[in-house]
Amino acid sequence: MLTIRLVVVDRTRNAFLKEGEEFYIKRIKRYARLEWIEVKPEGKKAISSPEDAMVSEGKAIARKLVPRQYVISLDREGRALDSIEFARLIERLSMHQSGICFIIGGALGISREVLERSNERISLSRMTLTHEMARMVLLEQLYRAFTILNNEKYHK
């Protein structure tokens, strides 16, 4: 069974988004092992600049990466995919990789070092999404991808 690791900065604070995450995580677990890893955000008082905070968060993210996993960072400047293209990416990677790791940065984004370590960058939307909303969109699209690959009715 494919392992999907989601490394995210901070916890989900909005109750309705937390409920939605749990909903999709439960559904995805029918198709893949899902690991949800939260990295502590840098406190505003502890860091001298936003760039320093991103670098510090990036180091914490890097410590959570597993060798041989394919790393995909969610980045607004990444490659845009439709749902079927995303499903085909998951299918291709599941045949050739031990696992897939998705990275969702915090409010400041993802450090340059983590982006450079990534095998690929994808964009969920040309619109700006909160990091919490990006988690929900990614989970929904992962579930949709598995239903596409299994010829189930969810995707229309």
N, C-alpha and C. Protein backbone atom coordinates (compact mmCIF):
# COMPACT_ATOMS: atom_id res chain seq x y z
N MET A 1 0.85 -1.18 0.00
CA MET A 1 0.00 0.00 0.00
C MET A 1 0.89 1.24 0.00
N LEU A 2 0.56 2.19 -0.80
CA LEU A 2 1.29 3.45 -0.93
C LEU A 2 1.27 4.21 0.40
N THR A 3 2.39 4.83 0.74
CA THR A 3 2.45 5.70 1.91
C THR A 3 2.49 7.15 1.44
N ILE A 4 1.58 7.93 1.97
CA ILE A 4 1.56 9.36 1.69
C ILE A 4 1.81 10.09 2.99
N ARG A 5 2.81 10.93 2.99
CA ARG A 5 3.17 11.72 4.17
C ARG A 5 2.84 13.18 3.87
N LEU A 6 2.12 13.81 4.77
CA LEU A 6 1.85 15.24 4.64
C LEU A 6 2.58 15.94 5.77
N VAL A 7 3.51 16.80 5.41
CA VAL A 7 4.25 17.58 6.40
C VAL A 7 3.70 19.00 6.29
N VAL A 8 3.13 19.46 7.39
CA VAL A 8 2.48 20.77 7.42
C VAL A 8 3.04 21.60 8.57
N VAL A 9 3.03 22.91 8.39
CA VAL A 9 3.49 23.80 9.45
C VAL A 9 2.27 24.23 10.26
N ASP A 10 2.35 24.02 11.56
CA ASP A 10 1.32 24.40 12.52
C ASP A 10 0.15 23.43 12.49
N ARG A 11 -0.69 23.58 13.47
CA ARG A 11 -1.90 22.76 13.56
C ARG A 11 -3.05 23.50 12.89
N THR A 12 -4.10 22.78 12.59
CA THR A 12 -5.30 23.39 12.03
C THR A 12 -6.11 23.98 13.16
N ARG A 13 -6.38 25.25 13.09
CA ARG A 13 -7.09 25.94 14.16
C ARG A 13 -8.60 26.05 13.91
N ASN A 14 -9.00 26.14 12.66
CA ASN A 14 -10.42 26.28 12.35
C ASN A 14 -11.13 24.94 12.48
N ALA A 15 -12.15 24.90 13.33
CA ALA A 15 -12.85 23.64 13.60
C ALA A 15 -13.47 23.03 12.34
N PHE A 16 -14.05 23.85 11.49
CA PHE A 16 -14.71 23.29 10.30
C PHE A 16 -13.68 22.70 9.35
N LEU A 17 -12.48 23.27 9.28
CA LEU A 17 -11.44 22.69 8.44
C LEU A 17 -10.88 21.41 9.06
N LYS A 18 -10.72 21.40 10.37
CA LYS A 18 -10.25 20.19 11.08
C LYS A 18 -11.22 19.04 10.84
N GLU A 19 -12.51 19.33 10.90
CA GLU A 19 -13.52 18.30 10.65
C GLU A 19 -13.42 17.78 9.22
N GLY A 20 -13.22 18.69 8.27
CA GLY A 20 -13.07 18.28 6.88
C GLY A 20 -11.82 17.45 6.65
N GLU A 21 -10.72 17.84 7.30
CA GLU A 21 -9.49 17.05 7.19
C GLU A 21 -9.72 15.63 7.67
N GLU A 22 -10.33 15.51 8.82
CA GLU A 22 -10.60 14.18 9.38
C GLU A 22 -11.49 13.36 8.45
N PHE A 23 -12.46 14.00 7.84
CA PHE A 23 -13.37 13.34 6.89
C PHE A 23 -12.57 12.74 5.73
N TYR A 24 -11.71 13.55 5.10
CA TYR A 24 -10.95 13.06 3.95
C TYR A 24 -9.84 12.10 4.34
N ILE A 25 -9.20 12.33 5.48
CA ILE A 25 -8.17 11.39 5.93
C ILE A 25 -8.75 10.00 6.10
N LYS A 26 -9.92 9.93 6.70
CA LYS A 26 -10.58 8.63 6.89
C LYS A 26 -10.85 7.96 5.54
N ARG A 27 -11.30 8.72 4.57
CA ARG A 27 -11.59 8.15 3.25
C ARG A 27 -10.33 7.74 2.50
N ILE A 28 -9.29 8.53 2.61
CA ILE A 28 -8.03 8.23 1.91
C ILE A 28 -7.41 6.95 2.44
N LYS A 29 -7.59 6.68 3.71
CA LYS A 29 -6.97 5.50 4.32
C LYS A 29 -7.47 4.18 3.73
N ARG A 30 -8.53 4.22 2.93
CA ARG A 30 -8.97 3.02 2.20
C ARG A 30 -7.99 2.68 1.08
N TYR A 31 -7.24 3.69 0.62
CA TYR A 31 -6.39 3.53 -0.55
C TYR A 31 -4.89 3.60 -0.24
N ALA A 32 -4.52 4.26 0.84
CA ALA A 32 -3.10 4.50 1.13
C ALA A 32 -2.91 4.69 2.63
N ARG A 33 -1.67 4.45 3.07
CA ARG A 33 -1.31 4.82 4.44
C ARG A 33 -1.06 6.32 4.44
N LEU A 34 -1.61 7.00 5.39
CA LEU A 34 -1.48 8.45 5.44
C LEU A 34 -0.82 8.85 6.76
N GLU A 35 0.25 9.59 6.64
CA GLU A 35 0.95 10.11 7.81
C GLU A 35 0.81 11.63 7.81
N TRP A 36 0.29 12.16 8.90
CA TRP A 36 0.08 13.60 9.05
C TRP A 36 1.10 14.10 10.07
N ILE A 37 2.02 14.94 9.63
CA ILE A 37 3.08 15.41 10.52
C ILE A 37 3.04 16.93 10.58
N GLU A 38 2.88 17.43 11.79
CA GLU A 38 2.85 18.87 12.00
C GLU A 38 4.20 19.35 12.53
N VAL A 39 4.67 20.42 11.94
CA VAL A 39 5.91 21.06 12.35
C VAL A 39 5.53 22.35 13.08
N LYS A 40 6.16 22.58 14.18
CA LYS A 40 5.86 23.77 14.98
C LYS A 40 6.27 25.03 14.22
N PRO A 41 5.37 26.02 14.16
CA PRO A 41 5.72 27.28 13.49
C PRO A 41 6.68 28.10 14.36
N GLU A 42 7.41 28.96 13.72
CA GLU A 42 8.30 29.84 14.47
C GLU A 42 7.49 30.99 15.06
N GLY A 43 7.71 31.24 16.32
CA GLY A 43 7.03 32.35 16.97
C GLY A 43 7.54 33.68 16.47
N LYS A 44 6.67 34.65 16.39
CA LYS A 44 7.06 35.97 15.87
C LYS A 44 8.11 36.64 16.73
N LYS A 45 8.08 36.41 18.01
CA LYS A 45 9.04 37.06 18.91
C LYS A 45 10.41 36.38 18.89
N ALA A 46 10.44 35.10 18.54
CA ALA A 46 11.69 34.35 18.61
C ALA A 46 12.59 34.57 17.40
N ILE A 47 12.05 35.05 16.30
CA ILE A 47 12.79 35.18 15.05
C ILE A 47 12.86 36.65 14.64
N SER A 48 14.00 37.05 14.11
CA SER A 48 14.19 38.47 13.78
C SER A 48 13.51 38.91 12.49
N SER A 49 13.28 37.99 11.54
CA SER A 49 12.67 38.38 10.28
C SER A 49 11.83 37.23 9.71
N PRO A 50 10.91 37.54 8.80
CA PRO A 50 10.14 36.47 8.15
C PRO A 50 11.03 35.47 7.41
N GLU A 51 12.11 35.96 6.79
CA GLU A 51 13.02 35.07 6.08
C GLU A 51 13.67 34.08 7.05
N ASP A 52 14.07 34.59 8.23
CA ASP A 52 14.67 33.70 9.24
C ASP A 52 13.66 32.66 9.71
N ALA A 53 12.40 33.07 9.86
CA ALA A 53 11.35 32.15 10.28
C ALA A 53 11.17 31.04 9.23
N MET A 54 11.15 31.42 7.94
CA MET A 54 11.00 30.41 6.88
C MET A 54 12.17 29.45 6.87
N VAL A 55 13.38 29.95 7.07
CA VAL A 55 14.56 29.09 7.10
C VAL A 55 14.46 28.12 8.27
N SER A 56 14.07 28.63 9.43
CA SER A 56 13.95 27.78 10.62
C SER A 56 12.87 26.72 10.43
N GLU A 57 11.70 27.12 9.91
CA GLU A 57 10.64 26.15 9.62
C GLU A 57 11.11 25.15 8.57
N GLY A 58 11.87 25.62 7.58
CA GLY A 58 12.39 24.73 6.54
C GLY A 58 13.30 23.65 7.11
N LYS A 59 14.12 24.02 8.09
CA LYS A 59 14.99 23.03 8.73
C LYS A 59 14.15 21.99 9.48
N ALA A 60 13.08 22.44 10.13
CA ALA A 60 12.19 21.51 10.83
C ALA A 60 11.49 20.59 9.84
N ILE A 61 11.08 21.12 8.70
CA ILE A 61 10.45 20.30 7.66
C ILE A 61 11.46 19.27 7.14
N ALA A 62 12.67 19.72 6.86
CA ALA A 62 13.70 18.82 6.30
C ALA A 62 13.97 17.64 7.22
N ARG A 63 13.88 17.84 8.53
CA ARG A 63 14.10 16.74 9.48
C ARG A 63 12.99 15.70 9.40
N LYS A 64 11.85 16.04 8.83
CA LYS A 64 10.72 15.11 8.73
C LYS A 64 10.69 14.35 7.40
N LEU A 65 11.59 14.69 6.49
CA LEU A 65 11.60 14.02 5.19
C LEU A 65 12.25 12.65 5.32
N VAL A 66 11.71 11.71 4.57
CA VAL A 66 12.18 10.32 4.59
C VAL A 66 12.97 10.06 3.31
N PRO A 67 14.17 9.47 3.44
CA PRO A 67 14.92 9.13 2.22
C PRO A 67 14.09 8.26 1.28
N ARG A 68 14.28 8.47 0.02
CA ARG A 68 13.63 7.71 -1.05
C ARG A 68 12.15 8.04 -1.25
N GLN A 69 11.60 8.94 -0.46
CA GLN A 69 10.24 9.38 -0.76
C GLN A 69 10.30 10.52 -1.77
N TYR A 70 9.35 10.52 -2.66
CA TYR A 70 9.22 11.58 -3.66
C TYR A 70 8.58 12.78 -2.96
N VAL A 71 9.25 13.92 -3.02
CA VAL A 71 8.79 15.10 -2.28
C VAL A 71 8.15 16.11 -3.24
N ILE A 72 6.91 16.47 -2.91
CA ILE A 72 6.17 17.46 -3.69
C ILE A 72 5.83 18.62 -2.76
N SER A 73 6.33 19.80 -3.09
CA SER A 73 5.98 20.99 -2.33
C SER A 73 4.81 21.69 -3.00
N LEU A 74 3.89 22.14 -2.20
CA LEU A 74 2.80 22.95 -2.73
C LEU A 74 3.29 24.39 -2.76
N ASP A 75 3.31 24.94 -3.95
CA ASP A 75 3.91 26.25 -4.17
C ASP A 75 3.10 26.99 -5.22
N ARG A 76 2.78 28.23 -4.95
CA ARG A 76 1.92 28.97 -5.89
C ARG A 76 2.55 29.09 -7.28
N GLU A 77 3.85 28.93 -7.37
CA GLU A 77 4.52 29.00 -8.67
C GLU A 77 4.80 27.62 -9.25
N GLY A 78 4.22 26.59 -8.63
CA GLY A 78 4.42 25.23 -9.12
C GLY A 78 3.56 24.94 -10.34
N ARG A 79 3.69 23.73 -10.82
CA ARG A 79 2.95 23.27 -12.00
C ARG A 79 1.48 23.08 -11.65
N ALA A 80 0.61 23.62 -12.47
CA ALA A 80 -0.82 23.46 -12.27
C ALA A 80 -1.29 22.17 -12.95
N LEU A 81 -2.09 21.39 -12.23
CA LEU A 81 -2.62 20.13 -12.75
C LEU A 81 -4.13 20.13 -12.60
N ASP A 82 -4.83 19.48 -13.53
CA ASP A 82 -6.24 19.24 -13.27
C ASP A 82 -6.34 17.93 -12.48
N SER A 83 -7.54 17.57 -12.07
CA SER A 83 -7.71 16.41 -11.20
C SER A 83 -7.26 15.11 -11.85
N ILE A 84 -7.50 14.96 -13.13
CA ILE A 84 -7.09 13.73 -13.81
C ILE A 84 -5.58 13.67 -13.95
N GLU A 85 -4.95 14.79 -14.27
CA GLU A 85 -3.48 14.82 -14.33
C GLU A 85 -2.88 14.51 -12.96
N PHE A 86 -3.48 15.04 -11.91
CA PHE A 86 -3.01 14.78 -10.56
C PHE A 86 -3.14 13.28 -10.23
N ALA A 87 -4.27 12.69 -10.61
CA ALA A 87 -4.48 11.25 -10.38
C ALA A 87 -3.42 10.44 -11.11
N ARG A 88 -3.11 10.81 -12.33
CA ARG A 88 -2.09 10.08 -13.11
C ARG A 88 -0.71 10.24 -12.47
N LEU A 89 -0.43 11.40 -11.91
CA LEU A 89 0.83 11.61 -11.19
C LEU A 89 0.91 10.66 -10.00
N ILE A 90 -0.15 10.59 -9.22
CA ILE A 90 -0.19 9.68 -8.06
C ILE A 90 -0.01 8.24 -8.54
N GLU A 91 -0.67 7.87 -9.60
CA GLU A 91 -0.56 6.50 -10.14
C GLU A 91 0.88 6.20 -10.55
N ARG A 92 1.49 7.10 -11.29
CA ARG A 92 2.86 6.90 -11.76
C ARG A 92 3.83 6.80 -10.59
N LEU A 93 3.68 7.70 -9.62
CA LEU A 93 4.59 7.68 -8.47
C LEU A 93 4.39 6.43 -7.62
N SER A 94 3.15 5.97 -7.51
CA SER A 94 2.89 4.78 -6.69
C SER A 94 3.56 3.54 -7.26
N MET A 95 3.85 3.54 -8.55
CA MET A 95 4.51 2.40 -9.18
C MET A 95 6.02 2.43 -9.03
N HIS A 96 6.58 3.62 -8.79
CA HIS A 96 8.03 3.76 -8.82
C HIS A 96 8.65 4.32 -7.54
N GLN A 97 7.84 4.67 -6.56
CA GLN A 97 8.34 5.29 -5.35
C GLN A 97 7.89 4.52 -4.12
N SER A 98 8.68 4.60 -3.06
CA SER A 98 8.28 3.95 -1.80
C SER A 98 7.22 4.76 -1.09
N GLY A 99 7.14 6.03 -1.41
CA GLY A 99 6.14 6.88 -0.81
C GLY A 99 6.19 8.27 -1.42
N ILE A 100 5.17 9.04 -1.11
CA ILE A 100 5.08 10.42 -1.60
C ILE A 100 4.94 11.31 -0.38
N CYS A 101 5.70 12.38 -0.36
CA CYS A 101 5.61 13.35 0.73
C CYS A 101 5.17 14.69 0.16
N PHE A 102 4.06 15.22 0.66
CA PHE A 102 3.59 16.54 0.29
C PHE A 102 3.96 17.51 1.40
N ILE A 103 4.43 18.68 1.02
CA ILE A 103 4.81 19.70 1.99
C ILE A 103 3.92 20.91 1.79
N ILE A 104 3.30 21.34 2.90
CA ILE A 104 2.52 22.58 2.90
C ILE A 104 3.15 23.48 3.95
N GLY A 105 3.67 24.59 3.50
CA GLY A 105 4.33 25.53 4.40
C GLY A 105 3.32 26.26 5.27
N GLY A 106 3.83 27.13 6.09
CA GLY A 106 2.99 27.94 6.97
C GLY A 106 2.55 29.22 6.29
N ALA A 107 2.19 30.18 7.08
CA ALA A 107 1.69 31.45 6.56
C ALA A 107 2.72 32.17 5.69
N LEU A 108 4.00 31.93 5.94
CA LEU A 108 5.06 32.59 5.18
C LEU A 108 5.47 31.84 3.93
N GLY A 109 5.03 30.60 3.79
CA GLY A 109 5.40 29.80 2.64
C GLY A 109 6.44 28.75 2.98
N ILE A 110 7.21 28.34 1.98
CA ILE A 110 8.19 27.27 2.12
C ILE A 110 9.58 27.83 1.80
N SER A 111 10.54 27.46 2.59
CA SER A 111 11.90 27.98 2.39
C SER A 111 12.48 27.54 1.06
N ARG A 112 13.41 28.34 0.56
CA ARG A 112 14.09 28.03 -0.69
C ARG A 112 14.78 26.67 -0.62
N GLU A 113 15.37 26.35 0.53
CA GLU A 113 16.08 25.08 0.69
C GLU A 113 15.14 23.88 0.54
N VAL A 114 13.95 23.99 1.11
CA VAL A 114 12.98 22.89 0.99
C VAL A 114 12.47 22.80 -0.45
N LEU A 115 12.22 23.95 -1.08
CA LEU A 115 11.78 23.93 -2.48
C LEU A 115 12.84 23.28 -3.37
N GLU A 116 14.10 23.57 -3.10
CA GLU A 116 15.18 22.99 -3.90
C GLU A 116 15.32 21.49 -3.64
N ARG A 117 15.01 21.03 -2.44
CA ARG A 117 15.06 19.60 -2.10
C ARG A 117 13.90 18.82 -2.74
N SER A 118 12.84 19.52 -3.04
CA SER A 118 11.64 18.87 -3.59
C SER A 118 11.91 18.31 -4.98
N ASN A 119 11.28 17.17 -5.26
CA ASN A 119 11.36 16.60 -6.60
C ASN A 119 10.46 17.36 -7.57
N GLU A 120 9.43 17.97 -7.00
CA GLU A 120 8.44 18.64 -7.84
C GLU A 120 7.70 19.67 -7.01
N ARG A 121 7.20 20.68 -7.72
CA ARG A 121 6.35 21.68 -7.08
C ARG A 121 5.04 21.72 -7.86
N ILE A 122 3.95 21.68 -7.11
CA ILE A 122 2.65 21.83 -7.77
C ILE A 122 1.88 22.96 -7.11
N SER A 123 0.98 23.53 -7.89
CA SER A 123 0.12 24.61 -7.41
C SER A 123 -1.31 24.09 -7.35
N LEU A 124 -1.98 24.36 -6.24
CA LEU A 124 -3.38 23.96 -6.12
C LEU A 124 -4.31 24.95 -6.82
N SER A 125 -3.86 26.19 -6.93
CA SER A 125 -4.70 27.23 -7.52
C SER A 125 -3.85 28.45 -7.82
N ARG A 126 -4.28 29.23 -8.78
CA ARG A 126 -3.63 30.51 -9.02
C ARG A 126 -4.05 31.52 -7.96
N MET A 127 -5.14 31.22 -7.28
CA MET A 127 -5.59 32.08 -6.18
C MET A 127 -4.77 31.80 -4.93
N THR A 128 -4.71 32.76 -4.05
CA THR A 128 -4.02 32.56 -2.77
C THR A 128 -4.95 31.82 -1.82
N LEU A 129 -4.44 30.76 -1.21
CA LEU A 129 -5.19 29.99 -0.21
C LEU A 129 -4.44 30.09 1.11
N THR A 130 -5.18 30.08 2.21
CA THR A 130 -4.51 29.98 3.50
C THR A 130 -3.84 28.61 3.56
N HIS A 131 -2.81 28.48 4.41
CA HIS A 131 -2.16 27.18 4.51
C HIS A 131 -3.12 26.13 5.06
N GLU A 132 -4.06 26.54 5.90
CA GLU A 132 -5.05 25.58 6.41
C GLU A 132 -6.01 25.14 5.30
N MET A 133 -6.43 26.08 4.47
CA MET A 133 -7.34 25.73 3.37
C MET A 133 -6.62 24.86 2.33
N ALA A 134 -5.34 25.12 2.11
CA ALA A 134 -4.57 24.32 1.16
C ALA A 134 -4.55 22.85 1.59
N ARG A 135 -4.49 22.60 2.90
CA ARG A 135 -4.51 21.22 3.40
C ARG A 135 -5.80 20.52 2.99
N MET A 136 -6.91 21.23 3.18
CA MET A 136 -8.21 20.66 2.85
C MET A 136 -8.31 20.38 1.35
N VAL A 137 -7.88 21.31 0.54
CA VAL A 137 -7.94 21.14 -0.92
C VAL A 137 -7.07 19.95 -1.33
N LEU A 138 -5.86 19.85 -0.78
CA LEU A 138 -4.99 18.73 -1.11
C LEU A 138 -5.62 17.40 -0.72
N LEU A 139 -6.16 17.32 0.48
CA LEU A 139 -6.78 16.07 0.92
C LEU A 139 -7.95 15.69 0.02
N GLU A 140 -8.77 16.66 -0.34
CA GLU A 140 -9.91 16.37 -1.22
C GLU A 140 -9.41 15.88 -2.57
N GLN A 141 -8.36 16.50 -3.09
CA GLN A 141 -7.84 16.09 -4.40
C GLN A 141 -7.14 14.73 -4.34
N LEU A 142 -6.53 14.41 -3.22
CA LEU A 142 -5.98 13.06 -3.06
C LEU A 142 -7.09 12.02 -3.07
N TYR A 143 -8.15 12.29 -2.33
CA TYR A 143 -9.28 11.37 -2.32
C TYR A 143 -9.86 11.25 -3.73
N ARG A 144 -10.04 12.38 -4.40
CA ARG A 144 -10.58 12.37 -5.76
C ARG A 144 -9.66 11.57 -6.68
N ALA A 145 -8.36 11.72 -6.54
CA ALA A 145 -7.42 10.98 -7.39
C ALA A 145 -7.59 9.48 -7.22
N PHE A 146 -7.72 9.04 -5.98
CA PHE A 146 -7.90 7.59 -5.76
C PHE A 146 -9.22 7.10 -6.33
N THR A 147 -10.27 7.91 -6.26
CA THR A 147 -11.55 7.47 -6.84
C THR A 147 -11.46 7.44 -8.36
N ILE A 148 -10.72 8.37 -8.95
CA ILE A 148 -10.51 8.35 -10.41
C ILE A 148 -9.77 7.07 -10.79
N LEU A 149 -8.70 6.79 -10.09
CA LEU A 149 -7.86 5.62 -10.41
C LEU A 149 -8.60 4.30 -10.20
N ASN A 150 -9.60 4.30 -9.34
CA ASN A 150 -10.38 3.09 -9.06
C ASN A 150 -11.74 3.09 -9.76
N ASN A 151 -11.93 4.01 -10.69
CA ASN A 151 -13.17 4.12 -11.47
C ASN A 151 -14.40 4.18 -10.58
N GLU A 152 -14.32 4.96 -9.51
CA GLU A 152 -15.46 5.15 -8.62
C GLU A 152 -16.21 6.41 -8.99
N LYS A 153 -17.42 6.53 -8.53
CA LYS A 153 -18.33 7.57 -8.99
C LYS A 153 -18.05 8.98 -8.46
N TYR A 154 -17.22 9.15 -7.46
CA TYR A 154 -17.02 10.46 -6.84
C TYR A 154 -16.66 11.54 -7.86
N HIS A 155 -15.74 11.24 -8.76
CA HIS A 155 -15.31 12.24 -9.76
C HIS A 155 -16.27 12.23 -10.95
N LYS A 156 -16.80 13.38 -11.26
CA LYS A 156 -17.74 13.47 -12.38
C LYS A 156 -17.18 14.30 -13.49
